[in-house]
PDB file of all heavy atoms in Angstrom:
ATOM      1  N   LYS A   1       0.817  -1.212   0.000  1.00  0.00           N
ATOM      2  CA  LYS A   1       0.000   0.000   0.000  1.00  0.00           C
ATOM      3  C   LYS A   1       0.850   1.261   0.000  1.00  0.00           C
ATOM      4  O   LYS A   1       1.875   1.339   0.664  1.00  0.00           O
ATOM      5  CB  LYS A   1      -0.910   0.013   1.237  1.00  0.00           C
ATOM      6  CG  LYS A   1      -1.703   1.295   1.423  1.00  0.00           C
ATOM      7  CD  LYS A   1      -2.496   1.284   2.729  1.00  0.00           C
ATOM      8  CE  LYS A   1      -3.162   2.624   2.994  1.00  0.00           C
ATOM      9  NZ  LYS A   1      -3.915   2.629   4.283  1.00  0.00           N
ATOM     10  N   ARG A   2       0.401   2.253  -0.783  1.00  0.00           N
ATOM     11  CA  ARG A   2       0.926   3.600  -0.709  1.00  0.00           C
ATOM     12  C   ARG A   2      -0.263   4.559  -0.610  1.00  0.00           C
ATOM     13  O   ARG A   2      -1.339   4.279  -1.131  1.00  0.00           O
ATOM     14  CB  ARG A   2       1.768   3.959  -1.941  1.00  0.00           C
ATOM     15  CG  ARG A   2       3.058   3.194  -2.053  1.00  0.00           C
ATOM     16  CD  ARG A   2       4.039   3.512  -0.933  1.00  0.00           C
ATOM     17  NE  ARG A   2       5.310   2.840  -1.126  1.00  0.00           N
ATOM     18  CZ  ARG A   2       5.569   1.596  -0.737  1.00  0.00           C
ATOM     19  NH1 ARG A   2       4.632   0.887  -0.117  1.00  0.00           N
ATOM     20  NH2 ARG A   2       6.758   1.055  -0.945  1.00  0.00           N
ATOM     21  N   GLU A   3      -0.040   5.687   0.031  1.00  0.00           N
ATOM     22  CA  GLU A   3      -1.093   6.686   0.148  1.00  0.00           C
ATOM     23  C   GLU A   3      -0.992   7.680  -0.998  1.00  0.00           C
ATOM     24  O   GLU A   3       0.074   7.894  -1.573  1.00  0.00           O
ATOM     25  CB  GLU A   3      -1.000   7.417   1.484  1.00  0.00           C
ATOM     26  CG  GLU A   3      -1.315   6.540   2.683  1.00  0.00           C
ATOM     27  CD  GLU A   3      -1.332   7.327   3.988  1.00  0.00           C
ATOM     28  OE1 GLU A   3      -0.865   8.491   3.983  1.00  0.00           O
ATOM     29  OE2 GLU A   3      -1.807   6.786   4.992  1.00  0.00           O
ATOM     30  N   VAL A   4      -2.133   8.272  -1.322  1.00  0.00           N
ATOM     31  CA  VAL A   4      -2.175   9.351  -2.293  1.00  0.00           C
ATOM     32  C   VAL A   4      -2.806  10.555  -1.605  1.00  0.00           C
ATOM     33  O   VAL A   4      -3.788  10.412  -0.870  1.00  0.00           O
ATOM     34  CB  VAL A   4      -2.951   8.939  -3.566  1.00  0.00           C
ATOM     35  CG1 VAL A   4      -4.340   8.447  -3.241  1.00  0.00           C
ATOM     36  CG2 VAL A   4      -3.021  10.084  -4.550  1.00  0.00           C
ATOM     37  N   ARG A   5      -2.222  11.724  -1.806  1.00  0.00           N
ATOM     38  CA  ARG A   5      -2.665  12.924  -1.104  1.00  0.00           C
ATOM     39  C   ARG A   5      -2.868  14.075  -2.081  1.00  0.00           C
ATOM     40  O   ARG A   5      -2.332  14.078  -3.185  1.00  0.00           O
ATOM     41  CB  ARG A   5      -1.612  13.357  -0.070  1.00  0.00           C
ATOM     42  CG  ARG A   5      -1.196  12.285   0.877  1.00  0.00           C
ATOM     43  CD  ARG A   5      -2.242  11.982   1.909  1.00  0.00           C
ATOM     44  NE  ARG A   5      -2.329  13.038   2.917  1.00  0.00           N
ATOM     45  CZ  ARG A   5      -3.213  13.037   3.906  1.00  0.00           C
ATOM     46  NH1 ARG A   5      -4.099  12.074   3.996  1.00  0.00           N
ATOM     47  NH2 ARG A   5      -3.220  14.010   4.791  1.00  0.00           N
ATOM     48  N   MET A   6      -3.648  15.048  -1.631  1.00  0.00           N
ATOM     49  CA  MET A   6      -3.789  16.286  -2.379  1.00  0.00           C
ATOM     50  C   MET A   6      -2.864  17.335  -1.772  1.00  0.00           C
ATOM     51  O   MET A   6      -2.859  17.537  -0.558  1.00  0.00           O
ATOM     52  CB  MET A   6      -5.229  16.796  -2.326  1.00  0.00           C
ATOM     53  CG  MET A   6      -5.452  18.064  -3.143  1.00  0.00           C
ATOM     54  SD  MET A   6      -7.070  18.806  -2.872  1.00  0.00           S
ATOM     55  CE  MET A   6      -6.817  19.601  -1.264  1.00  0.00           C
ATOM     56  N   LEU A   7      -2.089  17.985  -2.629  1.00  0.00           N
ATOM     57  CA  LEU A   7      -1.232  19.071  -2.204  1.00  0.00           C
ATOM     58  C   LEU A   7      -1.873  20.407  -2.559  1.00  0.00           C
ATOM     59  O   LEU A   7      -2.492  20.552  -3.619  1.00  0.00           O
ATOM     60  CB  LEU A   7       0.126  18.985  -2.891  1.00  0.00           C
ATOM     61  CG  LEU A   7       1.008  17.783  -2.553  1.00  0.00           C
ATOM     62  CD1 LEU A   7       2.277  17.849  -3.395  1.00  0.00           C
ATOM     63  CD2 LEU A   7       1.345  17.755  -1.073  1.00  0.00           C
ATOM     64  N   THR A   8      -1.717  21.375  -1.684  1.00  0.00           N
ATOM     65  CA  THR A   8      -2.151  22.744  -1.951  1.00  0.00           C
ATOM     66  C   THR A   8      -0.920  23.587  -2.230  1.00  0.00           C
ATOM     67  O   THR A   8      -0.034  23.679  -1.384  1.00  0.00           O
ATOM     68  CB  THR A   8      -2.902  23.327  -0.737  1.00  0.00           C
ATOM     69  OG1 THR A   8      -4.000  22.483  -0.418  1.00  0.00           O
ATOM     70  CG2 THR A   8      -3.402  24.723  -1.037  1.00  0.00           C
ATOM     71  N   ILE A   9      -0.849  24.177  -3.401  1.00  0.00           N
ATOM     72  CA  ILE A   9       0.319  24.941  -3.795  1.00  0.00           C
ATOM     73  C   ILE A   9      -0.100  26.379  -4.062  1.00  0.00           C
ATOM     74  O   ILE A   9      -0.907  26.650  -4.949  1.00  0.00           O
ATOM     75  CB  ILE A   9       0.971  24.352  -5.051  1.00  0.00           C
ATOM     76  CG1 ILE A   9       1.297  22.864  -4.825  1.00  0.00           C
ATOM     77  CG2 ILE A   9       2.236  25.131  -5.420  1.00  0.00           C
ATOM     78  CD1 ILE A   9       1.814  22.172  -6.040  1.00  0.00           C
ATOM     79  N   SER A  10       0.445  27.295  -3.293  1.00  0.00           N
ATOM     80  CA  SER A  10       0.174  28.715  -3.490  1.00  0.00           C
ATOM     81  C   SER A  10       0.984  29.234  -4.669  1.00  0.00           C
ATOM     82  O   SER A  10       2.077  28.735  -4.953  1.00  0.00           O
ATOM     83  CB  SER A  10       0.513  29.504  -2.229  1.00  0.00           C
ATOM     84  OG  SER A  10      -0.289  29.065  -1.138  1.00  0.00           O
ATOM     85  N   PRO A  11       0.479  30.255  -5.364  1.00  0.00           N
ATOM     86  CA  PRO A  11       1.192  30.758  -6.556  1.00  0.00           C
ATOM     87  C   PRO A  11       2.606  31.234  -6.266  1.00  0.00           C
ATOM     88  O   PRO A  11       3.489  31.117  -7.114  1.00  0.00           O
ATOM     89  CB  PRO A  11       0.305  31.927  -7.020  1.00  0.00           C
ATOM     90  CG  PRO A  11      -1.029  31.665  -6.431  1.00  0.00           C
ATOM     91  CD  PRO A  11      -0.790  30.942  -5.138  1.00  0.00           C
ATOM     92  N   GLU A  12       2.835  31.759  -5.057  1.00  0.00           N
ATOM     93  CA  GLU A  12       4.160  32.302  -4.758  1.00  0.00           C
ATOM     94  C   GLU A  12       5.176  31.227  -4.405  1.00  0.00           C
ATOM     95  O   GLU A  12       6.349  31.513  -4.208  1.00  0.00           O
ATOM     96  CB  GLU A  12       4.083  33.306  -3.593  1.00  0.00           C
ATOM     97  CG  GLU A  12       3.597  32.726  -2.282  1.00  0.00           C
ATOM     98  CD  GLU A  12       2.092  32.787  -2.124  1.00  0.00           C
ATOM     99  OE1 GLU A  12       1.410  32.963  -3.149  1.00  0.00           O
ATOM    100  OE2 GLU A  12       1.606  32.670  -0.982  1.00  0.00           O
ATOM    101  N   HIS A  13       4.760  29.969  -4.301  1.00  0.00           N
ATOM    102  CA  HIS A  13       5.681  28.900  -3.948  1.00  0.00           C
ATOM    103  C   HIS A  13       6.248  28.259  -5.211  1.00  0.00           C
ATOM    104  O   HIS A  13       5.519  27.606  -5.958  1.00  0.00           O
ATOM    105  CB  HIS A  13       4.967  27.831  -3.112  1.00  0.00           C
ATOM    106  CG  HIS A  13       4.563  28.338  -1.765  1.00  0.00           C
ATOM    107  ND1 HIS A  13       3.536  27.766  -1.044  1.00  0.00           N
ATOM    108  CD2 HIS A  13       5.020  29.362  -1.015  1.00  0.00           C
ATOM    109  CE1 HIS A  13       3.393  28.424   0.104  1.00  0.00           C
ATOM    110  NE2 HIS A  13       4.287  29.389   0.123  1.00  0.00           N
ATOM    111  N   PRO A  14       7.529  28.420  -5.497  1.00  0.00           N
ATOM    112  CA  PRO A  14       8.117  27.810  -6.696  1.00  0.00           C
ATOM    113  C   PRO A  14       8.176  26.293  -6.556  1.00  0.00           C
ATOM    114  O   PRO A  14       8.301  25.770  -5.456  1.00  0.00           O
ATOM    115  CB  PRO A  14       9.526  28.413  -6.743  1.00  0.00           C
ATOM    116  CG  PRO A  14       9.836  28.728  -5.313  1.00  0.00           C
ATOM    117  CD  PRO A  14       8.528  29.144  -4.692  1.00  0.00           C
ATOM    118  N   ARG A  15       8.069  25.604  -7.687  1.00  0.00           N
ATOM    119  CA  ARG A  15       8.118  24.144  -7.667  1.00  0.00           C
ATOM    120  C   ARG A  15       9.543  23.669  -7.930  1.00  0.00           C
ATOM    121  O   ARG A  15       9.862  23.137  -8.991  1.00  0.00           O
ATOM    122  CB  ARG A  15       7.154  23.556  -8.704  1.00  0.00           C
ATOM    123  CG  ARG A  15       5.704  23.953  -8.478  1.00  0.00           C
ATOM    124  CD  ARG A  15       4.792  23.120  -9.350  1.00  0.00           C
ATOM    125  NE  ARG A  15       3.427  23.601  -9.314  1.00  0.00           N
ATOM    126  CZ  ARG A  15       2.404  22.978  -9.895  1.00  0.00           C
ATOM    127  NH1 ARG A  15       2.602  21.851 -10.545  1.00  0.00           N
ATOM    128  NH2 ARG A  15       1.191  23.465  -9.839  1.00  0.00           N
ATOM    129  N   ASN A  16      10.420  23.880  -6.958  1.00  0.00           N
ATOM    130  CA  ASN A  16      11.812  23.442  -7.077  1.00  0.00           C
ATOM    131  C   ASN A  16      11.929  22.040  -6.498  1.00  0.00           C
ATOM    132  O   ASN A  16      12.316  21.856  -5.350  1.00  0.00           O
ATOM    133  CB  ASN A  16      12.743  24.426  -6.351  1.00  0.00           C
ATOM    134  CG  ASN A  16      12.653  25.821  -6.939  1.00  0.00           C
ATOM    135  OD1 ASN A  16      12.546  25.974  -8.148  1.00  0.00           O
ATOM    136  ND2 ASN A  16      12.688  26.825  -6.077  1.00  0.00           N
ATOM    137  N   LEU A  17      11.590  21.057  -7.296  1.00  0.00           N
ATOM    138  CA  LEU A  17      11.496  19.688  -6.806  1.00  0.00           C
ATOM    139  C   LEU A  17      12.648  18.835  -7.308  1.00  0.00           C
ATOM    140  O   LEU A  17      13.132  19.019  -8.428  1.00  0.00           O
ATOM    141  CB  LEU A  17      10.179  19.054  -7.269  1.00  0.00           C
ATOM    142  CG  LEU A  17       8.884  19.721  -6.806  1.00  0.00           C
ATOM    143  CD1 LEU A  17       7.712  19.074  -7.507  1.00  0.00           C
ATOM    144  CD2 LEU A  17       8.729  19.613  -5.305  1.00  0.00           C
ATOM    145  N   VAL A  18      13.073  17.874  -6.480  1.00  0.00           N
ATOM    146  CA  VAL A  18      13.995  16.856  -6.967  1.00  0.00           C
ATOM    147  C   VAL A  18      13.222  15.940  -7.904  1.00  0.00           C
ATOM    148  O   VAL A  18      11.987  15.919  -7.920  1.00  0.00           O
ATOM    149  CB  VAL A  18      14.599  16.061  -5.785  1.00  0.00           C
ATOM    150  CG1 VAL A  18      15.408  16.970  -4.883  1.00  0.00           C
ATOM    151  CG2 VAL A  18      13.512  15.347  -4.982  1.00  0.00           C
ATOM    152  N   GLU A  19      13.944  15.151  -8.690  1.00  0.00           N
ATOM    153  CA  GLU A  19      13.309  14.370  -9.749  1.00  0.00           C
ATOM    154  C   GLU A  19      12.265  13.392  -9.202  1.00  0.00           C
ATOM    155  O   GLU A  19      11.184  13.226  -9.782  1.00  0.00           O
ATOM    156  CB  GLU A  19      14.371  13.611 -10.548  1.00  0.00           C
ATOM    157  CG  GLU A  19      13.837  12.937 -11.805  1.00  0.00           C
ATOM    158  CD  GLU A  19      13.230  13.916 -12.794  1.00  0.00           C
ATOM    159  OE1 GLU A  19      13.671  15.084 -12.824  1.00  0.00           O
ATOM    160  OE2 GLU A  19      12.309  13.504 -13.526  1.00  0.00           O
ATOM    161  N   ARG A  20      12.558  12.743  -8.084  1.00  0.00           N
ATOM    162  CA  ARG A  20      11.607  11.770  -7.540  1.00  0.00           C
ATOM    163  C   ARG A  20      10.318  12.435  -7.101  1.00  0.00           C
ATOM    164  O   ARG A  20       9.228  11.866  -7.231  1.00  0.00           O
ATOM    165  CB  ARG A  20      12.244  11.021  -6.373  1.00  0.00           C
ATOM    166  CG  ARG A  20      13.333  10.042  -6.774  1.00  0.00           C
ATOM    167  CD  ARG A  20      13.899   9.317  -5.574  1.00  0.00           C
ATOM    168  NE  ARG A  20      14.943   8.388  -5.942  1.00  0.00           N
ATOM    169  CZ  ARG A  20      15.636   7.662  -5.071  1.00  0.00           C
ATOM    170  NH1 ARG A  20      15.387   7.778  -3.776  1.00  0.00           N
ATOM    171  NH2 ARG A  20      16.574   6.835  -5.488  1.00  0.00           N
ATOM    172  N   ALA A  21      10.425  13.644  -6.558  1.00  0.00           N
ATOM    173  CA  ALA A  21       9.226  14.366  -6.144  1.00  0.00           C
ATOM    174  C   ALA A  21       8.382  14.748  -7.354  1.00  0.00           C
ATOM    175  O   ALA A  21       7.144  14.725  -7.301  1.00  0.00           O
ATOM    176  CB  ALA A  21       9.601  15.606  -5.336  1.00  0.00           C
ATOM    177  N   LYS A  22       9.020  15.103  -8.453  1.00  0.00           N
ATOM    178  CA  LYS A  22       8.289  15.407  -9.683  1.00  0.00           C
ATOM    179  C   LYS A  22       7.525  14.183 -10.168  1.00  0.00           C
ATOM    180  O   LYS A  22       6.362  14.273 -10.577  1.00  0.00           O
ATOM    181  CB  LYS A  22       9.259  15.882 -10.771  1.00  0.00           C
ATOM    182  CG  LYS A  22       9.895  17.231 -10.509  1.00  0.00           C
ATOM    183  CD  LYS A  22      10.846  17.587 -11.635  1.00  0.00           C
ATOM    184  CE  LYS A  22      11.542  18.914 -11.373  1.00  0.00           C
ATOM    185  NZ  LYS A  22      12.511  19.243 -12.457  1.00  0.00           N
ATOM    186  N   LEU A  23       8.194  13.022 -10.113  1.00  0.00           N
ATOM    187  CA  LEU A  23       7.554  11.791 -10.586  1.00  0.00           C
ATOM    188  C   LEU A  23       6.351  11.428  -9.732  1.00  0.00           C
ATOM    189  O   LEU A  23       5.365  10.869 -10.228  1.00  0.00           O
ATOM    190  CB  LEU A  23       8.558  10.638 -10.599  1.00  0.00           C
ATOM    191  CG  LEU A  23       9.689  10.736 -11.624  1.00  0.00           C
ATOM    192  CD1 LEU A  23      10.640   9.568 -11.486  1.00  0.00           C
ATOM    193  CD2 LEU A  23       9.127  10.806 -13.042  1.00  0.00           C
ATOM    194  N   ARG A  24       6.409  11.736  -8.433  1.00  0.00           N
ATOM    195  CA  ARG A  24       5.285  11.404  -7.546  1.00  0.00           C
ATOM    196  C   ARG A  24       4.030  12.192  -7.904  1.00  0.00           C
ATOM    197  O   ARG A  24       2.932  11.803  -7.532  1.00  0.00           O
ATOM    198  CB  ARG A  24       5.662  11.660  -6.089  1.00  0.00           C
ATOM    199  CG  ARG A  24       6.681  10.699  -5.548  1.00  0.00           C
ATOM    200  CD  ARG A  24       6.746  10.691  -4.038  1.00  0.00           C
ATOM    201  NE  ARG A  24       7.274  11.924  -3.473  1.00  0.00           N
ATOM    202  CZ  ARG A  24       6.547  12.836  -2.849  1.00  0.00           C
ATOM    203  NH1 ARG A  24       5.238  12.697  -2.757  1.00  0.00           N
ATOM    204  NH2 ARG A  24       7.106  13.918  -2.319  1.00  0.00           N
ATOM    205  N   ARG A  25       4.188  13.281  -8.619  1.00  0.00           N
ATOM    206  CA  ARG A  25       3.047  14.105  -9.015  1.00  0.00           C
ATOM    207  C   ARG A  25       2.562  13.774 -10.418  1.00  0.00           C
ATOM    208  O   ARG A  25       1.662  14.438 -10.935  1.00  0.00           O
ATOM    209  CB  ARG A  25       3.424  15.590  -8.941  1.00  0.00           C
ATOM    210  CG  ARG A  25       3.846  16.048  -7.558  1.00  0.00           C
ATOM    211  CD  ARG A  25       4.193  17.521  -7.547  1.00  0.00           C
ATOM    212  NE  ARG A  25       4.591  17.953  -6.208  1.00  0.00           N
ATOM    213  CZ  ARG A  25       4.718  19.230  -5.843  1.00  0.00           C
ATOM    214  NH1 ARG A  25       4.477  20.186  -6.720  1.00  0.00           N
ATOM    215  NH2 ARG A  25       5.080  19.549  -4.627  1.00  0.00           N
ATOM    216  N   GLN A  26       3.150  12.763 -11.043  1.00  0.00           N
ATOM    217  CA  GLN A  26       2.790  12.429 -12.414  1.00  0.00           C
ATOM    218  C   GLN A  26       2.007  11.120 -12.462  1.00  0.00           C
ATOM    219  O   GLN A  26       2.281  10.179 -11.712  1.00  0.00           O
ATOM    220  CB  GLN A  26       4.051  12.336 -13.281  1.00  0.00           C
ATOM    221  CG  GLN A  26       4.767  13.662 -13.422  1.00  0.00           C
ATOM    222  CD  GLN A  26       6.031  13.558 -14.227  1.00  0.00           C
ATOM    223  OE1 GLN A  26       6.347  12.506 -14.794  1.00  0.00           O
ATOM    224  NE2 GLN A  26       6.800  14.637 -14.292  1.00  0.00           N
ATOM    225  N   TRP A  27       1.055  11.078 -13.372  1.00  0.00           N
ATOM    226  CA  TRP A  27       0.136   9.946 -13.484  1.00  0.00           C
ATOM    227  C   TRP A  27      -0.028   9.540 -14.939  1.00  0.00           C
ATOM    228  O   TRP A  27       0.045  10.371 -15.844  1.00  0.00           O
ATOM    229  CB  TRP A  27      -1.225  10.303 -12.891  1.00  0.00           C
ATOM    230  CG  TRP A  27      -1.115  10.817 -11.490  1.00  0.00           C
ATOM    231  CD1 TRP A  27      -0.847  12.109 -11.109  1.00  0.00           C
ATOM    232  CD2 TRP A  27      -1.204  10.060 -10.287  1.00  0.00           C
ATOM    233  NE1 TRP A  27      -0.780  12.203  -9.740  1.00  0.00           N
ATOM    234  CE2 TRP A  27      -0.995  10.959  -9.203  1.00  0.00           C
ATOM    235  CE3 TRP A  27      -1.459   8.724 -10.011  1.00  0.00           C
ATOM    236  CZ2 TRP A  27      -1.032  10.547  -7.881  1.00  0.00           C
ATOM    237  CZ3 TRP A  27      -1.497   8.309  -8.688  1.00  0.00           C
ATOM    238  CH2 TRP A  27      -1.283   9.222  -7.650  1.00  0.00           C
ATOM    239  N   GLU A  28      -0.273   8.266 -15.140  1.00  0.00           N
ATOM    240  CA  GLU A  28      -0.574   7.743 -16.472  1.00  0.00           C
ATOM    241  C   GLU A  28      -2.026   7.276 -16.470  1.00  0.00           C
ATOM    242  O   GLU A  28      -2.426   6.489 -15.604  1.00  0.00           O
ATOM    243  CB  GLU A  28       0.357   6.580 -16.812  1.00  0.00           C
ATOM    244  CG  GLU A  28       0.128   6.004 -18.198  1.00  0.00           C
ATOM    245  CD  GLU A  28       1.012   4.809 -18.492  1.00  0.00           C
ATOM    246  OE1 GLU A  28       1.775   4.393 -17.592  1.00  0.00           O
ATOM    247  OE2 GLU A  28       0.930   4.279 -19.613  1.00  0.00           O
ATOM    248  N   ILE A  29      -2.795   7.758 -17.418  1.00  0.00           N
ATOM    249  CA  ILE A  29      -4.199   7.372 -17.533  1.00  0.00           C
ATOM    250  C   ILE A  29      -4.301   6.337 -18.643  1.00  0.00           C
ATOM    251  O   ILE A  29      -3.987   6.609 -19.807  1.00  0.00           O
ATOM    252  CB  ILE A  29      -5.096   8.578 -17.849  1.00  0.00           C
ATOM    253  CG1 ILE A  29      -4.792   9.731 -16.882  1.00  0.00           C
ATOM    254  CG2 ILE A  29      -6.559   8.175 -17.773  1.00  0.00           C
ATOM    255  CD1 ILE A  29      -4.975   9.394 -15.424  1.00  0.00           C
ATOM    256  N   ILE A  30      -4.740   5.133 -18.291  1.00  0.00           N
ATOM    257  CA  ILE A  30      -4.749   4.010 -19.231  1.00  0.00           C
ATOM    258  C   ILE A  30      -6.194   3.605 -19.526  1.00  0.00           C
ATOM    259  O   ILE A  30      -6.875   3.031 -18.668  1.00  0.00           O
ATOM    260  CB  ILE A  30      -3.981   2.812 -18.647  1.00  0.00           C
ATOM    261  CG1 ILE A  30      -2.584   3.254 -18.182  1.00  0.00           C
ATOM    262  CG2 ILE A  30      -3.892   1.676 -19.655  1.00  0.00           C
ATOM    263  CD1 ILE A  30      -1.836   2.196 -17.412  1.00  0.00           C
ATOM    264  N   PRO A  31      -6.702   3.908 -20.714  1.00  0.00           N
ATOM    265  CA  PRO A  31      -8.090   3.551 -21.043  1.00  0.00           C
ATOM    266  C   PRO A  31      -8.249   2.055 -21.284  1.00  0.00           C
ATOM    267  O   PRO A  31      -7.323   1.386 -21.766  1.00  0.00           O
ATOM    268  CB  PRO A  31      -8.364   4.363 -22.316  1.00  0.00           C
ATOM    269  CG  PRO A  31      -7.020   4.592 -22.924  1.00  0.00           C
ATOM    270  CD  PRO A  31      -6.035   4.650 -21.794  1.00  0.00           C
ATOM    271  N   LEU A  32      -9.415   1.546 -20.940  1.00  0.00           N
ATOM    272  CA  LEU A  32      -9.742   0.156 -21.234  1.00  0.00           C
ATOM    273  C   LEU A  32     -10.381   0.075 -22.625  1.00  0.00           C
ATOM    274  O   LEU A  32     -11.010   1.017 -23.089  1.00  0.00           O
ATOM    275  CB  LEU A  32     -10.694  -0.413 -20.187  1.00  0.00           C
ATOM    276  CG  LEU A  32     -10.205  -0.383 -18.738  1.00  0.00           C
ATOM    277  CD1 LEU A  32     -11.179  -1.144 -17.842  1.00  0.00           C
ATOM    278  CD2 LEU A  32      -8.806  -0.965 -18.608  1.00  0.00           C
ATOM    279  N   ARG A  33     -10.204  -1.073 -23.269  1.00  0.00           N
ATOM    280  CA  ARG A  33     -10.730  -1.269 -24.610  1.00  0.00           C
ATOM    281  C   ARG A  33     -11.879  -2.269 -24.581  1.00  0.00           C
ATOM    282  O   ARG A  33     -11.890  -3.202 -23.776  1.00  0.00           O
ATOM    283  CB  ARG A  33      -9.638  -1.789 -25.539  1.00  0.00           C
ATOM    284  CG  ARG A  33      -8.399  -0.903 -25.618  1.00  0.00           C
ATOM    285  CD  ARG A  33      -7.534  -1.302 -26.801  1.00  0.00           C
ATOM    286  NE  ARG A  33      -7.098  -2.700 -26.712  1.00  0.00           N
ATOM    287  CZ  ARG A  33      -5.949  -3.083 -26.174  1.00  0.00           C
ATOM    288  NH1 ARG A  33      -5.131  -2.192 -25.634  1.00  0.00           N
ATOM    289  NH2 ARG A  33      -5.614  -4.361 -26.150  1.00  0.00           N
ATOM    290  N   THR A  34     -12.808  -2.081 -25.497  1.00  0.00           N
ATOM    291  CA  THR A  34     -13.920  -3.026 -25.597  1.00  0.00           C
ATOM    292  C   THR A  34     -13.591  -4.177 -26.533  1.00  0.00           C
ATOM    293  O   THR A  34     -14.295  -5.176 -26.565  1.00  0.00           O
ATOM    294  CB  THR A  34     -15.186  -2.318 -26.102  1.00  0.00           C
ATOM    295  OG1 THR A  34     -14.896  -1.683 -27.370  1.00  0.00           O
ATOM    296  CG2 THR A  34     -15.634  -1.258 -25.101  1.00  0.00           C
ATOM    297  N   ALA A  35     -12.514  -4.042 -27.315  1.00  0.00           N
ATOM    298  CA  ALA A  35     -12.136  -5.098 -28.255  1.00  0.00           C
ATOM    299  C   ALA A  35     -10.621  -5.148 -28.363  1.00  0.00           C
ATOM    300  O   ALA A  35      -9.913  -4.202 -27.996  1.00  0.00           O
ATOM    301  CB  ALA A  35     -12.761  -4.849 -29.628  1.00  0.00           C
ATOM    302  N   ASN A  36     -10.105  -6.273 -28.887  1.00  0.00           N
ATOM    303  CA  ASN A  36      -8.675  -6.416 -29.102  1.00  0.00           C
ATOM    304  C   ASN A  36      -8.217  -5.483 -30.218  1.00  0.00           C
ATOM    305  O   ASN A  36      -8.943  -5.210 -31.166  1.00  0.00           O
ATOM    306  CB  ASN A  36      -8.331  -7.854 -29.510  1.00  0.00           C
ATOM    307  CG  ASN A  36      -8.579  -8.830 -28.371  1.00  0.00           C
ATOM    308  OD1 ASN A  36      -8.230  -8.549 -27.235  1.00  0.00           O
ATOM    309  ND2 ASN A  36      -9.178  -9.964 -28.688  1.00  0.00           N
ATOM    310  N   LYS A  37      -6.996  -4.987 -30.097  1.00  0.00           N
ATOM    311  CA  LYS A  37      -6.392  -4.230 -31.179  1.00  0.00           C
ATOM    312  C   LYS A  37      -5.830  -5.198 -32.211  1.00  0.00           C
ATOM    313  O   LYS A  37      -5.407  -6.297 -31.891  1.00  0.00           O
ATOM    314  CB  LYS A  37      -5.255  -3.344 -30.646  1.00  0.00           C
ATOM    315  CG  LYS A  37      -5.720  -2.077 -29.959  1.00  0.00           C
ATOM    316  CD  LYS A  37      -4.509  -1.232 -29.619  1.00  0.00           C
ATOM    317  CE  LYS A  37      -4.919   0.100 -29.013  1.00  0.00           C
ATOM    318  NZ  LYS A  37      -3.742   0.928 -28.691  1.00  0.00           N
ATOM    319  N   ARG A  38      -5.819  -4.760 -33.445  1.00  0.00           N
ATOM    320  CA  ARG A  38      -5.195  -5.560 -34.494  1.00  0.00           C
ATOM    321  C   ARG A  38      -4.012  -4.781 -35.080  1.00  0.00           C
ATOM    322  O   ARG A  38      -4.136  -3.605 -35.414  1.00  0.00           O
ATOM    323  CB  ARG A  38      -6.186  -5.873 -35.615  1.00  0.00           C
ATOM    324  CG  ARG A  38      -7.283  -6.846 -35.176  1.00  0.00           C
ATOM    325  CD  ARG A  38      -8.226  -7.135 -36.328  1.00  0.00           C
ATOM    326  NE  ARG A  38      -9.246  -8.098 -35.949  1.00  0.00           N
ATOM    327  CZ  ARG A  38      -9.104  -9.405 -36.040  1.00  0.00           C
ATOM    328  NH1 ARG A  38      -7.968  -9.905 -36.481  1.00  0.00           N
ATOM    329  NH2 ARG A  38     -10.086 -10.217 -35.700  1.00  0.00           N
ATOM    330  N   THR A  39      -2.874  -5.428 -35.140  1.00  0.00           N
ATOM    331  CA  THR A  39      -1.681  -4.820 -35.710  1.00  0.00           C
ATOM    332  C   THR A  39      -1.170  -5.716 -36.824  1.00  0.00           C
ATOM    333  O   THR A  39      -0.785  -6.870 -36.576  1.00  0.00           O
ATOM    334  CB  THR A  39      -0.592  -4.632 -34.646  1.00  0.00           C
ATOM    335  OG1 THR A  39      -1.127  -3.859 -33.569  1.00  0.00           O
ATOM    336  CG2 THR A  39       0.604  -3.924 -35.229  1.00  0.00           C
ATOM    337  N   THR A  40      -1.171  -5.212 -38.052  1.00  0.00           N
ATOM    338  CA  THR A  40      -0.745  -5.975 -39.243  1.00  0.00           C
ATOM    339  C   THR A  40      -1.425  -7.344 -39.297  1.00  0.00           C
ATOM    340  O   THR A  40      -0.793  -8.359 -39.575  1.00  0.00           O
ATOM    341  CB  THR A  40       0.796  -6.146 -39.267  1.00  0.00           C
ATOM    342  OG1 THR A  40       1.215  -6.898 -38.111  1.00  0.00           O
ATOM    343  CG2 THR A  40       1.491  -4.809 -39.281  1.00  0.00           C
ATOM    344  N   GLY A  41      -2.705  -7.355 -38.965  1.00  0.00           N
ATOM    345  CA  GLY A  41      -3.488  -8.568 -39.068  1.00  0.00           C
ATOM    346  C   GLY A  41      -3.312  -9.531 -37.928  1.00  0.00           C
ATOM    347  O   GLY A  41      -3.905 -10.611 -37.943  1.00  0.00           O
TER     348      GLY A  41
END
């Protein structure tokens, strides 16, 4: 388990983050498909 949180960032606060902190704020949205994909048959 890992927790997910909401951060509140004021405009005057610069986002000077180390690389790992940047990655923690990034997400991949993966859609589900209703059918199989076909590639070159």
